[in-house]
N, C-alpha and C. Protein backbone atom coordinates (compact mmCIF):
# COMPACT_ATOMS: atom_id res chain seq x y z
N MET A 1 85.50 109.68 137.35
CA MET A 1 85.49 108.55 136.46
C MET A 1 86.28 108.92 135.22
N PHE A 2 87.17 108.06 134.82
CA PHE A 2 87.98 108.29 133.63
C PHE A 2 87.70 107.18 132.63
N LEU A 3 87.40 107.57 131.42
CA LEU A 3 87.13 106.58 130.38
C LEU A 3 88.36 106.45 129.50
N ARG A 4 88.60 105.24 129.06
CA ARG A 4 89.71 104.98 128.15
C ARG A 4 89.14 104.43 126.85
N PRO A 5 88.74 105.30 125.94
CA PRO A 5 88.05 104.83 124.73
C PRO A 5 88.93 104.04 123.77
N ASN A 6 90.24 104.01 123.97
CA ASN A 6 91.11 103.27 123.05
C ASN A 6 91.20 101.78 123.42
N LEU A 7 90.59 101.38 124.53
CA LEU A 7 90.61 99.97 124.90
C LEU A 7 89.62 99.17 124.05
N LEU A 8 89.95 97.92 123.83
CA LEU A 8 89.08 97.07 123.01
C LEU A 8 87.73 96.84 123.67
N GLU A 9 87.67 96.90 125.01
CA GLU A 9 86.40 96.68 125.70
C GLU A 9 85.35 97.71 125.29
N PHE A 10 85.78 98.89 124.86
CA PHE A 10 84.83 99.93 124.49
C PHE A 10 84.22 99.68 123.12
N ASP A 11 84.78 98.74 122.39
CA ASP A 11 84.24 98.44 121.07
C ASP A 11 83.31 97.22 121.17
N SER A 12 82.58 97.12 122.26
CA SER A 12 81.67 95.98 122.42
C SER A 12 80.25 96.49 122.58
N HIS A 13 79.47 96.27 121.58
CA HIS A 13 78.05 96.62 121.63
C HIS A 13 77.27 95.54 120.89
N THR A 14 76.00 95.46 121.19
CA THR A 14 75.15 94.45 120.60
C THR A 14 73.84 95.09 120.20
N ILE A 15 73.40 94.79 119.00
CA ILE A 15 72.07 95.22 118.56
C ILE A 15 71.17 93.99 118.62
N LEU A 16 70.14 94.09 119.43
CA LEU A 16 69.23 92.96 119.63
C LEU A 16 68.11 93.03 118.61
N SER A 17 68.38 92.58 117.41
CA SER A 17 67.39 92.67 116.34
C SER A 17 66.20 91.75 116.56
N GLU A 18 66.37 90.67 117.36
CA GLU A 18 65.24 89.78 117.63
C GLU A 18 64.18 90.45 118.51
N LEU A 19 64.55 91.54 119.17
CA LEU A 19 63.59 92.30 119.98
C LEU A 19 63.19 93.58 119.26
N GLN A 20 63.03 93.48 117.96
CA GLN A 20 62.72 94.65 117.15
C GLN A 20 61.31 95.16 117.44
N PHE A 21 61.19 96.46 117.56
CA PHE A 21 59.92 97.11 117.83
C PHE A 21 59.31 97.62 116.53
N PRO A 22 58.04 98.05 116.58
CA PRO A 22 57.45 98.66 115.39
C PRO A 22 58.29 99.86 114.93
N PHE A 23 58.17 100.22 113.70
CA PHE A 23 58.92 101.33 113.09
C PHE A 23 60.41 101.03 113.00
N ASP A 24 60.79 99.76 112.95
CA ASP A 24 62.17 99.32 112.77
C ASP A 24 63.12 99.76 113.87
N HIS A 25 62.64 99.87 115.11
CA HIS A 25 63.50 100.19 116.24
C HIS A 25 63.99 98.89 116.86
N ALA A 26 65.25 98.86 117.28
CA ALA A 26 65.80 97.68 117.95
C ALA A 26 66.58 98.16 119.18
N LEU A 27 66.68 97.31 120.18
CA LEU A 27 67.43 97.65 121.37
C LEU A 27 68.93 97.63 121.08
N LEU A 28 69.64 98.55 121.67
CA LEU A 28 71.09 98.61 121.55
C LEU A 28 71.66 98.46 122.95
N VAL A 29 72.52 97.48 123.15
CA VAL A 29 73.15 97.25 124.44
C VAL A 29 74.62 97.62 124.32
N VAL A 30 75.08 98.48 125.21
CA VAL A 30 76.49 98.90 125.21
C VAL A 30 77.07 98.58 126.57
N ASN A 31 78.18 97.87 126.58
CA ASN A 31 78.86 97.55 127.83
C ASN A 31 79.90 98.64 128.11
N ILE A 32 79.83 99.22 129.29
CA ILE A 32 80.80 100.23 129.68
C ILE A 32 81.55 99.71 130.89
N TYR A 33 82.85 99.61 130.77
CA TYR A 33 83.69 99.13 131.85
C TYR A 33 84.27 100.34 132.58
N ILE A 34 84.09 100.37 133.88
CA ILE A 34 84.57 101.48 134.69
C ILE A 34 85.63 100.94 135.64
N THR A 35 86.79 101.56 135.64
CA THR A 35 87.85 101.16 136.55
C THR A 35 88.09 102.27 137.54
N GLU A 36 88.43 101.88 138.76
CA GLU A 36 88.74 102.88 139.77
C GLU A 36 90.17 103.35 139.59
N GLU A 37 90.36 104.63 139.82
CA GLU A 37 91.69 105.20 139.68
C GLU A 37 91.84 106.31 140.71
N PHE A 38 92.94 106.29 141.43
CA PHE A 38 93.20 107.31 142.44
C PHE A 38 93.81 108.53 141.76
N VAL A 39 93.25 109.69 142.05
CA VAL A 39 93.77 110.94 141.50
C VAL A 39 94.22 111.80 142.68
N GLN A 40 95.49 112.15 142.69
CA GLN A 40 96.03 112.99 143.76
C GLN A 40 95.39 114.36 143.67
N ASP A 41 94.93 114.84 144.78
CA ASP A 41 94.28 116.15 144.84
C ASP A 41 95.18 117.12 145.58
N LYS A 42 95.44 118.25 144.99
CA LYS A 42 96.31 119.25 145.60
C LYS A 42 95.46 120.44 146.03
N ARG A 43 95.56 120.80 147.29
CA ARG A 43 94.79 121.92 147.80
C ARG A 43 95.72 122.89 148.51
N CYS A 44 95.46 124.13 148.32
CA CYS A 44 96.22 125.18 148.99
C CYS A 44 95.23 126.08 149.71
N THR A 45 95.65 126.60 150.83
CA THR A 45 94.80 127.55 151.55
C THR A 45 95.51 128.88 151.67
N ILE A 46 94.72 129.91 151.66
CA ILE A 46 95.24 131.27 151.84
C ILE A 46 94.48 131.87 153.01
N ILE A 47 95.22 132.47 153.91
CA ILE A 47 94.60 133.08 155.08
C ILE A 47 93.82 134.32 154.64
N LYS A 48 92.58 134.40 155.14
CA LYS A 48 91.70 135.50 154.79
C LYS A 48 92.31 136.84 155.22
N ASN A 49 92.17 137.83 154.32
CA ASN A 49 92.66 139.20 154.54
C ASN A 49 94.17 139.29 154.69
N SER A 50 94.89 138.32 154.16
CA SER A 50 96.36 138.36 154.21
C SER A 50 96.90 138.98 152.93
N LYS A 51 98.20 139.27 152.93
CA LYS A 51 98.85 139.81 151.73
C LYS A 51 98.83 138.77 150.61
N GLU A 52 98.91 137.48 150.98
CA GLU A 52 98.86 136.42 149.97
C GLU A 52 97.50 136.39 149.27
N GLU A 53 96.43 136.60 150.05
CA GLU A 53 95.10 136.63 149.46
C GLU A 53 94.96 137.82 148.52
N GLU A 54 95.47 138.95 148.95
CA GLU A 54 95.39 140.17 148.12
C GLU A 54 96.16 139.98 146.82
N LYS A 55 97.37 139.39 146.92
CA LYS A 55 98.18 139.15 145.72
C LYS A 55 97.50 138.15 144.79
N PHE A 56 96.98 137.06 145.36
CA PHE A 56 96.30 136.04 144.56
C PHE A 56 95.11 136.64 143.83
N THR A 57 94.29 137.39 144.56
CA THR A 57 93.10 137.99 143.96
C THR A 57 93.49 138.97 142.86
N SER A 58 94.50 139.76 143.11
CA SER A 58 94.96 140.74 142.12
C SER A 58 95.45 140.04 140.85
N GLU A 59 96.26 139.01 141.02
CA GLU A 59 96.79 138.27 139.86
C GLU A 59 95.68 137.57 139.09
N LEU A 60 94.70 137.02 139.81
CA LEU A 60 93.59 136.34 139.16
C LEU A 60 92.74 137.32 138.36
N VAL A 61 92.49 138.50 138.90
CA VAL A 61 91.73 139.53 138.19
C VAL A 61 92.47 139.95 136.92
N LYS A 62 93.79 140.10 137.02
CA LYS A 62 94.59 140.45 135.84
C LYS A 62 94.48 139.38 134.76
N ALA A 63 94.54 138.11 135.19
CA ALA A 63 94.44 137.01 134.22
C ALA A 63 93.08 137.00 133.55
N ILE A 64 92.03 137.28 134.31
CA ILE A 64 90.68 137.31 133.74
C ILE A 64 90.55 138.47 132.76
N LYS A 65 91.12 139.61 133.09
CA LYS A 65 91.05 140.78 132.20
C LYS A 65 91.82 140.55 130.91
N LYS A 66 92.84 139.69 130.93
CA LYS A 66 93.65 139.41 129.73
C LYS A 66 92.94 138.49 128.74
N ILE A 67 91.86 137.86 129.15
CA ILE A 67 91.16 136.92 128.27
C ILE A 67 90.59 137.69 127.08
N ASP A 68 90.99 137.29 125.89
CA ASP A 68 90.52 137.93 124.66
C ASP A 68 89.40 137.09 124.06
N ILE A 69 88.17 137.56 124.22
CA ILE A 69 87.03 136.81 123.69
C ILE A 69 86.58 137.33 122.34
N SER A 70 87.29 138.30 121.80
CA SER A 70 86.89 138.87 120.51
C SER A 70 87.12 137.90 119.34
N GLN A 71 87.98 136.91 119.54
CA GLN A 71 88.30 135.98 118.46
C GLN A 71 87.62 134.62 118.63
N LEU A 72 86.60 134.53 119.47
CA LEU A 72 85.90 133.27 119.66
C LEU A 72 84.93 133.05 118.50
N VAL A 73 85.30 132.12 117.62
CA VAL A 73 84.46 131.85 116.45
C VAL A 73 83.96 130.42 116.40
N ASP A 74 84.63 129.52 117.15
CA ASP A 74 84.21 128.12 117.15
C ASP A 74 84.65 127.46 118.45
N LYS A 75 84.36 126.18 118.56
CA LYS A 75 84.69 125.45 119.79
C LYS A 75 86.20 125.37 120.00
N GLU A 76 86.95 125.27 118.93
CA GLU A 76 88.40 125.14 119.05
C GLU A 76 89.03 126.41 119.62
N SER A 77 88.56 127.57 119.17
CA SER A 77 89.10 128.82 119.71
C SER A 77 88.71 128.99 121.18
N LEU A 78 87.50 128.56 121.55
CA LEU A 78 87.09 128.60 122.95
C LEU A 78 87.96 127.67 123.78
N LYS A 79 88.25 126.50 123.24
CA LYS A 79 89.09 125.54 123.94
C LYS A 79 90.48 126.14 124.21
N LEU A 80 91.05 126.82 123.24
CA LEU A 80 92.37 127.45 123.42
C LEU A 80 92.33 128.54 124.48
N VAL A 81 91.28 129.34 124.49
CA VAL A 81 91.16 130.41 125.48
C VAL A 81 91.06 129.81 126.88
N VAL A 82 90.26 128.76 127.03
CA VAL A 82 90.10 128.11 128.32
C VAL A 82 91.42 127.48 128.77
N GLN A 83 92.14 126.86 127.85
CA GLN A 83 93.43 126.26 128.19
C GLN A 83 94.42 127.32 128.65
N ASN A 84 94.45 128.46 127.96
CA ASN A 84 95.35 129.54 128.36
C ASN A 84 95.00 130.08 129.73
N PHE A 85 93.70 130.26 130.00
CA PHE A 85 93.29 130.74 131.31
C PHE A 85 93.63 129.72 132.39
N THR A 86 93.41 128.44 132.12
CA THR A 86 93.73 127.39 133.08
C THR A 86 95.23 127.39 133.39
N ARG A 87 96.04 127.53 132.38
CA ARG A 87 97.48 127.59 132.57
C ARG A 87 97.87 128.79 133.44
N SER A 88 97.26 129.93 133.15
CA SER A 88 97.54 131.14 133.93
C SER A 88 97.10 130.98 135.38
N SER A 89 95.91 130.45 135.59
CA SER A 89 95.42 130.28 136.96
C SER A 89 96.24 129.25 137.73
N ASP A 90 96.74 128.24 137.05
CA ASP A 90 97.63 127.27 137.71
C ASP A 90 98.92 127.93 138.17
N LEU A 91 99.44 128.83 137.35
CA LEU A 91 100.67 129.54 137.73
C LEU A 91 100.46 130.48 138.91
N ILE A 92 99.28 131.08 138.93
CA ILE A 92 98.96 132.01 140.02
C ILE A 92 98.90 131.24 141.32
């Protein structure tokens, strides 16, 4: 499911104040529009115990060892580390 929060449909909500509960609570109704979208899926297979599997595993282990977690101080730095690892694993 992919959401497109920049569409005007996402800015549609209603507060039902006529159905107010004790302690000043009111119902909130939010309309969420979901559209179907086809996403191409790419799959690769590697034959077990082949040289390709050995090379892939070796490269993946190297990429994991290169991850520097010493500078993780906030969500943004974690996001950058994950993006770098994703980029590396895609290349592998």
